[in-house]
Amino acid sequence: MSESNLTQTDVKAGKTKRYKLYVLTLTAAITMMAMSVTVFASGSSVPTIDLTGVNLNGILDGVVAMIPQVMPVIVGFLAIRKGISFLMSSLRGA
C-alpha cells in the first residue's frame, strides 16, 4: 500500500505511521540478511564468544524474584482488557 493510495480516513487512523514502520523493519531485515550472506560468501568464519566463565545466576535470581510482583500485574491487565472488550461488544450489540 503506497502513501498515494491512502484515503483521508486511513491517514487519520495512523496507517501512514504503520506503513513507514513496516518499510523500516523490512529494510533492516534485508540489510541484516545481506550482511550475513556477505560474511558466509566471503568464507570468513563468524566470530564466536566464549561464555564458559560467565556466571548468569544473578540475572536468573533477579528474574525469578520479580515473578511474584509481575504476575498479578499481567493478570490484572488481561482482565481489564477482557472486561473492556466485553463491555464494548455488549454496547455494540445493544
PDB file of N, CA and C in Angstrom:
ATOM      1  N   MET A   1       0.858  -1.158   0.000  1.00  0.00           N
ATOM      2  CA  MET A   1       0.000   0.000   0.000  1.00  0.00           C
ATOM      3  C   MET A   1       0.903   1.219   0.000  1.00  0.00           C
ATOM      4  N   SER A   2       0.874   1.990  -1.079  1.00  0.00           N
ATOM      5  CA  SER A   2       1.699   3.183  -1.132  1.00  0.00           C
ATOM      6  C   SER A   2       0.982   4.343  -0.477  1.00  0.00           C
ATOM      7  N   GLU A   3       1.743   5.378  -0.147  1.00  0.00           N
ATOM      8  CA  GLU A   3       1.142   6.521   0.535  1.00  0.00           C
ATOM      9  C   GLU A   3       0.148   7.251  -0.354  1.00  0.00           C
ATOM     10  N   SER A   4       0.326   7.175  -1.674  1.00  0.00           N
ATOM     11  CA  SER A   4      -0.589   7.870  -2.575  1.00  0.00           C
ATOM     12  C   SER A   4      -1.954   7.186  -2.625  1.00  0.00           C
ATOM     13  N   ASN A   5      -2.033   5.909  -2.274  1.00  0.00           N
ATOM     14  CA  ASN A   5      -3.296   5.173  -2.305  1.00  0.00           C
ATOM     15  C   ASN A   5      -4.075   5.273  -1.000  1.00  0.00           C
ATOM     16  N   LEU A   6      -3.536   5.950   0.005  1.00  0.00           N
ATOM     17  CA  LEU A   6      -4.209   6.042   1.291  1.00  0.00           C
ATOM     18  C   LEU A   6      -5.333   7.069   1.224  1.00  0.00           C
ATOM     19  N   THR A   7      -6.469   6.735   1.808  1.00  0.00           N
ATOM     20  CA  THR A   7      -7.578   7.683   1.876  1.00  0.00           C
ATOM     21  C   THR A   7      -7.394   8.585   3.084  1.00  0.00           C
ATOM     22  N   GLN A   8      -8.253   9.590   3.201  1.00  0.00           N
ATOM     23  CA  GLN A   8      -8.155  10.524   4.329  1.00  0.00           C
ATOM     24  C   GLN A   8      -8.390   9.809   5.658  1.00  0.00           C
ATOM     25  N   THR A   9      -9.333   8.838   5.675  1.00  0.00           N
ATOM     26  CA  THR A   9      -9.586   8.107   6.923  1.00  0.00           C
ATOM     27  C   THR A   9      -8.408   7.216   7.281  1.00  0.00           C
ATOM     28  N   ASP A  10      -7.714   6.681   6.267  1.00  0.00           N
ATOM     29  CA  ASP A  10      -6.521   5.888   6.545  1.00  0.00           C
ATOM     30  C   ASP A  10      -5.445   6.741   7.196  1.00  0.00           C
ATOM     31  N   VAL A  11      -5.297   7.965   6.716  1.00  0.00           N
ATOM     32  CA  VAL A  11      -4.286   8.863   7.273  1.00  0.00           C
ATOM     33  C   VAL A  11      -4.654   9.230   8.704  1.00  0.00           C
ATOM     34  N   LYS A  12      -5.938   9.482   8.947  1.00  0.00           N
ATOM     35  CA  LYS A  12      -6.378   9.812  10.303  1.00  0.00           C
ATOM     36  C   LYS A  12      -6.195   8.632  11.244  1.00  0.00           C
ATOM     37  N   ALA A  13      -6.354   7.419  10.747  1.00  0.00           N
ATOM     38  CA  ALA A  13      -6.226   6.229  11.594  1.00  0.00           C
ATOM     39  C   ALA A  13      -4.771   5.897  11.892  1.00  0.00           C
ATOM     40  N   GLY A  14      -3.841   6.618  11.295  1.00  0.00           N
ATOM     41  CA  GLY A  14      -2.425   6.389  11.584  1.00  0.00           C
ATOM     42  C   GLY A  14      -1.797   5.301  10.744  1.00  0.00           C
ATOM     43  N   LYS A  15      -2.414   4.969   9.608  1.00  0.00           N
ATOM     44  CA  LYS A  15      -1.866   3.897   8.787  1.00  0.00           C
ATOM     45  C   LYS A  15      -0.571   4.298   8.108  1.00  0.00           C
ATOM     46  N   THR A  16      -0.336   5.593   7.918  1.00  0.00           N
ATOM     47  CA  THR A  16       0.932   6.004   7.318  1.00  0.00           C
ATOM     48  C   THR A  16       2.088   5.701   8.261  1.00  0.00           C
ATOM     49  N   LYS A  17       1.879   5.855   9.562  1.00  0.00           N
ATOM     50  CA  LYS A  17       2.941   5.547  10.521  1.00  0.00           C
ATOM     51  C   LYS A  17       3.253   4.062  10.500  1.00  0.00           C
ATOM     52  N   ARG A  18       2.187   3.233  10.452  1.00  0.00           N
ATOM     53  CA  ARG A  18       2.414   1.788  10.411  1.00  0.00           C
ATOM     54  C   ARG A  18       3.118   1.394   9.124  1.00  0.00           C
ATOM     55  N   TYR A  19       2.726   2.019   8.009  1.00  0.00           N
ATOM     56  CA  TYR A  19       3.346   1.710   6.723  1.00  0.00           C
ATOM     57  C   TYR A  19       4.832   2.026   6.767  1.00  0.00           C
ATOM     58  N   LYS A  20       5.178   3.201   7.323  1.00  0.00           N
ATOM     59  CA  LYS A  20       6.583   3.573   7.405  1.00  0.00           C
ATOM     60  C   LYS A  20       7.348   2.639   8.322  1.00  0.00           C
ATOM     61  N   LEU A  21       6.702   2.176   9.412  1.00  0.00           N
ATOM     62  CA  LEU A  21       7.344   1.232  10.314  1.00  0.00           C
ATOM     63  C   LEU A  21       7.589  -0.107   9.619  1.00  0.00           C
ATOM     64  N   TYR A  22       6.617  -0.573   8.812  1.00  0.00           N
ATOM     65  CA  TYR A  22       6.798  -1.813   8.062  1.00  0.00           C
ATOM     66  C   TYR A  22       7.964  -1.689   7.091  1.00  0.00           C
ATOM     67  N   VAL A  23       8.047  -0.564   6.397  1.00  0.00           N
ATOM     68  CA  VAL A  23       9.126  -0.366   5.437  1.00  0.00           C
ATOM     69  C   VAL A  23      10.468  -0.333   6.152  1.00  0.00           C
ATOM     70  N   LEU A  24      10.531   0.348   7.284  1.00  0.00           N
ATOM     71  CA  LEU A  24      11.768   0.417   8.052  1.00  0.00           C
ATOM     72  C   LEU A  24      12.182  -0.965   8.553  1.00  0.00           C
ATOM     73  N   THR A  25      11.223  -1.742   9.052  1.00  0.00           N
ATOM     74  CA  THR A  25      11.519  -3.082   9.544  1.00  0.00           C
ATOM     75  C   THR A  25      11.985  -3.987   8.415  1.00  0.00           C
ATOM     76  N   LEU A  26      11.308  -3.905   7.287  1.00  0.00           N
ATOM     77  CA  LEU A  26      11.680  -4.720   6.128  1.00  0.00           C
ATOM     78  C   LEU A  26      13.067  -4.345   5.633  1.00  0.00           C
ATOM     79  N   THR A  27      13.367  -3.054   5.595  1.00  0.00           N
ATOM     80  CA  THR A  27      14.684  -2.598   5.158  1.00  0.00           C
ATOM     81  C   THR A  27      15.774  -3.111   6.095  1.00  0.00           C
ATOM     82  N   ALA A  28      15.524  -3.052   7.403  1.00  0.00           N
ATOM     83  CA  ALA A  28      16.516  -3.541   8.363  1.00  0.00           C
ATOM     84  C   ALA A  28      16.726  -5.047   8.206  1.00  0.00           C
ATOM     85  N   ALA A  29      15.639  -5.795   7.987  1.00  0.00           N
ATOM     86  CA  ALA A  29      15.762  -7.245   7.822  1.00  0.00           C
ATOM     87  C   ALA A  29      16.553  -7.582   6.564  1.00  0.00           C
ATOM     88  N   ILE A  30      16.283  -6.880   5.481  1.00  0.00           N
ATOM     89  CA  ILE A  30      17.007  -7.143   4.227  1.00  0.00           C
ATOM     90  C   ILE A  30      18.482  -6.795   4.389  1.00  0.00           C
ATOM     91  N   THR A  31      18.774  -5.702   5.074  1.00  0.00           N
ATOM     92  CA  THR A  31      20.166  -5.307   5.303  1.00  0.00           C
ATOM     93  C   THR A  31      20.898  -6.359   6.126  1.00  0.00           C
ATOM     94  N   MET A  32      20.249  -6.869   7.177  1.00  0.00           N
ATOM     95  CA  MET A  32      20.882  -7.889   8.011  1.00  0.00           C
ATOM     96  C   MET A  32      21.108  -9.171   7.219  1.00  0.00           C
ATOM     97  N   MET A  33      20.133  -9.550   6.380  1.00  0.00           N
ATOM     98  CA  MET A  33      20.299 -10.754   5.566  1.00  0.00           C
ATOM     99  C   MET A  33      21.443 -10.571   4.579  1.00  0.00           C
ATOM    100  N   ALA A  34      21.565  -9.394   3.980  1.00  0.00           N
ATOM    101  CA  ALA A  34      22.642  -9.135   3.034  1.00  0.00           C
ATOM    102  C   ALA A  34      23.992  -9.192   3.724  1.00  0.00           C
ATOM    103  N   MET A  35      24.068  -8.678   4.960  1.00  0.00           N
ATOM    104  CA  MET A  35      25.323  -8.723   5.701  1.00  0.00           C
ATOM    105  C   MET A  35      25.709 -10.159   6.022  1.00  0.00           C
ATOM    106  N   SER A  36      24.740 -10.986   6.421  1.00  0.00           N
ATOM    107  CA  SER A  36      25.074 -12.369   6.749  1.00  0.00           C
ATOM    108  C   SER A  36      25.466 -13.144   5.497  1.00  0.00           C
ATOM    109  N   VAL A  37      24.822 -12.860   4.374  1.00  0.00           N
ATOM    110  CA  VAL A  37      25.192 -13.523   3.123  1.00  0.00           C
ATOM    111  C   VAL A  37      26.606 -13.127   2.740  1.00  0.00           C
ATOM    112  N   THR A  38      26.963 -11.870   2.939  1.00  0.00           N
ATOM    113  CA  THR A  38      28.315 -11.410   2.622  1.00  0.00           C
ATOM    114  C   THR A  38      29.346 -12.121   3.486  1.00  0.00           C
ATOM    115  N   VAL A  39      29.063 -12.290   4.765  1.00  0.00           N
ATOM    116  CA  VAL A  39      30.003 -12.960   5.663  1.00  0.00           C
ATOM    117  C   VAL A  39      30.201 -14.408   5.240  1.00  0.00           C
ATOM    118  N   PHE A  40      29.100 -15.106   4.928  1.00  0.00           N
ATOM    119  CA  PHE A  40      29.225 -16.510   4.554  1.00  0.00           C
ATOM    120  C   PHE A  40      29.806 -16.671   3.159  1.00  0.00           C
ATOM    121  N   ALA A  41      29.542 -15.730   2.270  1.00  0.00           N
ATOM    122  CA  ALA A  41      30.063 -15.832   0.916  1.00  0.00           C
ATOM    123  C   ALA A  41      31.558 -15.553   0.872  1.00  0.00           C
ATOM    124  N   SER A  42      32.036 -14.722   1.770  1.00  0.00           N
ATOM    125  CA  SER A  42      33.456 -14.388   1.761  1.00  0.00           C
ATOM    126  C   SER A  42      34.309 -15.511   2.335  1.00  0.00           C
ATOM    127  N   GLY A  43      33.682 -16.488   2.986  1.00  0.00           N
ATOM    128  CA  GLY A  43      34.416 -17.625   3.509  1.00  0.00           C
ATOM    129  C   GLY A  43      34.980 -17.402   4.900  1.00  0.00           C
ATOM    130  N   SER A  44      34.792 -16.210   5.460  1.00  0.00           N
ATOM    131  CA  SER A  44      35.311 -15.975   6.805  1.00  0.00           C
ATOM    132  C   SER A  44      34.362 -16.577   7.830  1.00  0.00           C
ATOM    133  N   SER A  45      34.917 -17.006   8.928  1.00  0.00           N
ATOM    134  CA  SER A  45      34.075 -17.600   9.959  1.00  0.00           C
ATOM    135  C   SER A  45      33.478 -16.505  10.829  1.00  0.00           C
ATOM    136  N   VAL A  46      32.298 -16.762  11.343  1.00  0.00           N
ATOM    137  CA  VAL A  46      31.630 -15.820  12.229  1.00  0.00           C
ATOM    138  C   VAL A  46      32.329 -15.880  13.581  1.00  0.00           C
ATOM    139  N   PRO A  47      32.697 -14.731  14.150  1.00  0.00           N
ATOM    140  CA  PRO A  47      33.393 -14.768  15.448  1.00  0.00           C
ATOM    141  C   PRO A  47      32.475 -15.306  16.543  1.00  0.00           C
ATOM    142  N   THR A  48      33.023 -16.146  17.385  1.00  0.00           N
ATOM    143  CA  THR A  48      32.252 -16.707  18.491  1.00  0.00           C
ATOM    144  C   THR A  48      32.747 -16.119  19.802  1.00  0.00           C
ATOM    145  N   ILE A  49      31.860 -16.040  20.764  1.00  0.00           N
ATOM    146  CA  ILE A  49      32.205 -15.502  22.075  1.00  0.00           C
ATOM    147  C   ILE A  49      32.167 -16.646  23.074  1.00  0.00           C
ATOM    148  N   ASP A  50      33.250 -16.808  23.797  1.00  0.00           N
ATOM    149  CA  ASP A  50      33.338 -17.872  24.784  1.00  0.00           C
ATOM    150  C   ASP A  50      32.693 -17.407  26.093  1.00  0.00           C
ATOM    151  N   LEU A  51      31.597 -18.061  26.497  1.00  0.00           N
ATOM    152  CA  LEU A  51      30.871 -17.696  27.712  1.00  0.00           C
ATOM    153  C   LEU A  51      31.029 -18.745  28.815  1.00  0.00           C
ATOM    154  N   THR A  52      32.058 -19.552  28.754  1.00  0.00           N
ATOM    155  CA  THR A  52      32.201 -20.618  29.748  1.00  0.00           C
ATOM    156  C   THR A  52      32.480 -20.070  31.141  1.00  0.00           C
ATOM    157  N   GLY A  53      33.153 -18.933  31.264  1.00  0.00           N
ATOM    158  CA  GLY A  53      33.488 -18.398  32.582  1.00  0.00           C
ATOM    159  C   GLY A  53      32.471 -17.393  33.105  1.00  0.00           C
ATOM    160  N   VAL A  54      31.380 -17.197  32.388  1.00  0.00           N
ATOM    161  CA  VAL A  54      30.390 -16.189  32.784  1.00  0.00           C
ATOM    162  C   VAL A  54      29.328 -16.846  33.652  1.00  0.00           C
ATOM    163  N   ASN A  55      29.043 -16.242  34.792  1.00  0.00           N
ATOM    164  CA  ASN A  55      28.029 -16.756  35.699  1.00  0.00           C
ATOM    165  C   ASN A  55      26.762 -15.902  35.556  1.00  0.00           C
ATOM    166  N   LEU A  56      25.671 -16.488  35.106  1.00  0.00           N
ATOM    167  CA  LEU A  56      24.422 -15.774  34.876  1.00  0.00           C
ATOM    168  C   LEU A  56      23.390 -16.053  35.967  1.00  0.00           C
ATOM    169  N   ASN A  57      23.815 -16.625  37.078  1.00  0.00           N
ATOM    170  CA  ASN A  57      22.876 -16.942  38.153  1.00  0.00           C
ATOM    171  C   ASN A  57      22.262 -15.694  38.776  1.00  0.00           C
ATOM    172  N   GLY A  58      22.998 -14.593  38.817  1.00  0.00           N
ATOM    173  CA  GLY A  58      22.469 -13.352  39.371  1.00  0.00           C
ATOM    174  C   GLY A  58      21.287 -12.828  38.562  1.00  0.00           C
ATOM    175  N   ILE A  59      21.388 -12.922  37.249  1.00  0.00           N
ATOM    176  CA  ILE A  59      20.284 -12.491  36.385  1.00  0.00           C
ATOM    177  C   ILE A  59      19.078 -13.400  36.576  1.00  0.00           C
ATOM    178  N   LEU A  60      19.326 -14.699  36.630  1.00  0.00           N
ATOM    179  CA  LEU A  60      18.229 -15.650  36.831  1.00  0.00           C
ATOM    180  C   LEU A  60      17.545 -15.418  38.177  1.00  0.00           C
ATOM    181  N   ASP A  61      18.331 -15.168  39.207  1.00  0.00           N
ATOM    182  CA  ASP A  61      17.747 -14.902  40.526  1.00  0.00           C
ATOM    183  C   ASP A  61      16.893 -13.638  40.515  1.00  0.00           C
ATOM    184  N   GLY A  62      17.335 -12.611  39.801  1.00  0.00           N
ATOM    185  CA  GLY A  62      16.568 -11.375  39.693  1.00  0.00           C
ATOM    186  C   GLY A  62      15.247 -11.574  38.966  1.00  0.00           C
ATOM    187  N   VAL A  63      15.273 -12.347  37.891  1.00  0.00           N
ATOM    188  CA  VAL A  63      14.042 -12.612  37.131  1.00  0.00           C
ATOM    189  C   VAL A  63      13.078 -13.439  37.965  1.00  0.00           C
ATOM    190  N   VAL A  64      13.574 -14.445  38.649  1.00  0.00           N
ATOM    191  CA  VAL A  64      12.712 -15.288  39.487  1.00  0.00           C
ATOM    192  C   VAL A  64      12.116 -14.474  40.632  1.00  0.00           C
ATOM    193  N   ALA A  65      12.891 -13.545  41.188  1.00  0.00           N
ATOM    194  CA  ALA A  65      12.381 -12.720  42.289  1.00  0.00           C
ATOM    195  C   ALA A  65      11.288 -11.759  41.815  1.00  0.00           C
ATOM    196  N   MET A  66      11.295 -11.393  40.538  1.00  0.00           N
ATOM    197  CA  MET A  66      10.291 -10.466  40.015  1.00  0.00           C
ATOM    198  C   MET A  66       8.973 -11.147  39.667  1.00  0.00           C
ATOM    199  N   ILE A  67       8.959 -12.456  39.519  1.00  0.00           N
ATOM    200  CA  ILE A  67       7.744 -13.161  39.090  1.00  0.00           C
ATOM    201  C   ILE A  67       6.563 -12.898  40.020  1.00  0.00           C
ATOM    202  N   PRO A  68       6.695 -12.984  41.350  1.00  0.00           N
ATOM    203  CA  PRO A  68       5.527 -12.722  42.206  1.00  0.00           C
ATOM    204  C   PRO A  68       4.996 -11.290  42.103  1.00  0.00           C
ATOM    205  N   GLN A  69       5.831 -10.355  41.720  1.00  0.00           N
ATOM    206  CA  GLN A  69       5.390  -8.972  41.586  1.00  0.00           C
ATOM    207  C   GLN A  69       4.786  -8.691  40.218  1.00  0.00           C
ATOM    208  N   VAL A  70       5.283  -9.335  39.195  1.00  0.00           N
ATOM    209  CA  VAL A  70       4.846  -9.050  37.828  1.00  0.00           C
ATOM    210  C   VAL A  70       3.589  -9.838  37.461  1.00  0.00           C
ATOM    211  N   MET A  71       3.438 -11.039  37.976  1.00  0.00           N
ATOM    212  CA  MET A  71       2.320 -11.895  37.590  1.00  0.00           C
ATOM    213  C   MET A  71       0.958 -11.261  37.884  1.00  0.00           C
ATOM    214  N   PRO A  72       0.713 -10.696  39.067  1.00  0.00           N
ATOM    215  CA  PRO A  72      -0.594 -10.056  39.299  1.00  0.00           C
ATOM    216  C   PRO A  72      -0.852  -8.876  38.363  1.00  0.00           C
ATOM    217  N   VAL A  73       0.199  -8.160  38.011  1.00  0.00           N
ATOM    218  CA  VAL A  73       0.039  -7.036  37.090  1.00  0.00           C
ATOM    219  C   VAL A  73      -0.388  -7.536  35.718  1.00  0.00           C
ATOM    220  N   ILE A  74       0.223  -8.608  35.248  1.00  0.00           N
ATOM    221  CA  ILE A  74      -0.125  -9.172  33.936  1.00  0.00           C
ATOM    222  C   ILE A  74      -1.556  -9.695  33.952  1.00  0.00           C
ATOM    223  N   VAL A  75      -1.918 -10.437  34.986  1.00  0.00           N
ATOM    224  CA  VAL A  75      -3.272 -10.982  35.073  1.00  0.00           C
ATOM    225  C   VAL A  75      -4.296  -9.853  35.166  1.00  0.00           C
ATOM    226  N   GLY A  76      -3.998  -8.827  35.948  1.00  0.00           N
ATOM    227  CA  GLY A  76      -4.909  -7.689  36.055  1.00  0.00           C
ATOM    228  C   GLY A  76      -5.070  -6.957  34.737  1.00  0.00           C
ATOM    229  N   PHE A  77      -3.977  -6.769  34.026  1.00  0.00           N
ATOM    230  CA  PHE A  77      -4.037  -6.110  32.723  1.00  0.00           C
ATOM    231  C   PHE A  77      -4.897  -6.896  31.746  1.00  0.00           C
ATOM    232  N   LEU A  78      -4.697  -8.212  31.708  1.00  0.00           N
ATOM    233  CA  LEU A  78      -5.504  -9.049  30.806  1.00  0.00           C
ATOM    234  C   LEU A  78      -6.978  -9.031  31.204  1.00  0.00           C
ATOM    235  N   ALA A  79      -7.265  -9.024  32.506  1.00  0.00           N
ATOM    236  CA  ALA A  79      -8.651  -8.990  32.969  1.00  0.00           C
ATOM    237  C   ALA A  79      -9.322  -7.675  32.579  1.00  0.00           C
ATOM    238  N   ILE A  80      -8.598  -6.572  32.718  1.00  0.00           N
ATOM    239  CA  ILE A  80      -9.169  -5.271  32.338  1.00  0.00           C
ATOM    240  C   ILE A  80      -9.424  -5.217  30.835  1.00  0.00           C
ATOM    241  N   ARG A  81      -8.485  -5.717  30.052  1.00  0.00           N
ATOM    242  CA  ARG A  81      -8.687  -5.746  28.597  1.00  0.00           C
ATOM    243  C   ARG A  81      -9.901  -6.580  28.226  1.00  0.00           C
ATOM    244  N   LYS A  82     -10.039  -7.739  28.859  1.00  0.00           N
ATOM    245  CA  LYS A  82     -11.167  -8.617  28.557  1.00  0.00           C
ATOM    246  C   LYS A  82     -12.478  -7.968  28.994  1.00  0.00           C
ATOM    247  N   GLY A  83     -12.471  -7.306  30.147  1.00  0.00           N
ATOM    248  CA  GLY A  83     -13.677  -6.627  30.613  1.00  0.00           C
ATOM    249  C   GLY A  83     -14.090  -5.496  29.693  1.00  0.00           C
ATOM    250  N   ILE A  84     -13.129  -4.703  29.246  1.00  0.00           N
ATOM    251  CA  ILE A  84     -13.445  -3.611  28.316  1.00  0.00           C
ATOM    252  C   ILE A  84     -13.959  -4.172  26.997  1.00  0.00           C
ATOM    253  N   SER A  85     -13.342  -5.232  26.519  1.00  0.00           N
ATOM    254  CA  SER A  85     -13.802  -5.865  25.280  1.00  0.00           C
ATOM    255  C   SER A  85     -15.231  -6.373  25.416  1.00  0.00           C
ATOM    256  N   PHE A  86     -15.550  -6.987  26.554  1.00  0.00           N
ATOM    257  CA  PHE A  86     -16.906  -7.476  26.789  1.00  0.00           C
ATOM    258  C   PHE A  86     -17.903  -6.327  26.819  1.00  0.00           C
ATOM    259  N   LEU A  87     -17.562  -5.254  27.515  1.00  0.00           N
ATOM    260  CA  LEU A  87     -18.452  -4.093  27.577  1.00  0.00           C
ATOM    261  C   LEU A  87     -18.665  -3.474  26.201  1.00  0.00           C
ATOM    262  N   MET A  88     -17.612  -3.346  25.426  1.00  0.00           N
ATOM    263  CA  MET A  88     -17.743  -2.759  24.094  1.00  0.00           C
ATOM    264  C   MET A  88     -18.598  -3.624  23.184  1.00  0.00           C
ATOM    265  N   SER A  89     -18.438  -4.951  23.250  1.00  0.00           N
ATOM    266  CA  SER A  89     -19.257  -5.819  22.411  1.00  0.00           C
ATOM    267  C   SER A  89     -20.717  -5.796  22.871  1.00  0.00           C
ATOM    268  N   SER A  90     -20.947  -5.653  24.173  1.00  0.00           N
ATOM    269  CA  SER A  90     -22.322  -5.551  24.684  1.00  0.00           C
ATOM    270  C   SER A  90     -22.975  -4.252  24.239  1.00  0.00           C
ATOM    271  N   LEU A  91     -22.209  -3.170  24.253  1.00  0.00           N
ATOM    272  CA  LEU A  91     -22.753  -1.881  23.821  1.00  0.00           C
ATOM    273  C   LEU A  91     -22.996  -1.853  22.315  1.00  0.00           C
ATOM    274  N   ARG A  92     -22.139  -2.497  21.545  1.00  0.00           N
ATOM    275  CA  ARG A  92     -22.364  -2.554  20.099  1.00  0.00           C
ATOM    276  C   ARG A  92     -23.587  -3.397  19.759  1.00  0.00           C
ATOM    277  N   GLY A  93     -23.812  -4.453  20.521  1.00  0.00           N
ATOM    278  CA  GLY A  93     -24.949  -5.344  20.280  1.00  0.00           C
ATOM    279  C   GLY A  93     -26.276  -4.757  20.737  1.00  0.00           C
ATOM    280  N   ALA A  94     -26.252  -3.738  21.553  1.00  0.00           N
ATOM    281  CA  ALA A  94     -27.494  -3.161  22.089  1.00  0.00           C
ATOM    282  C   ALA A  94     -28.188  -2.260  21.075  1.00  0.00           C
TER     283      ALA A  94
END
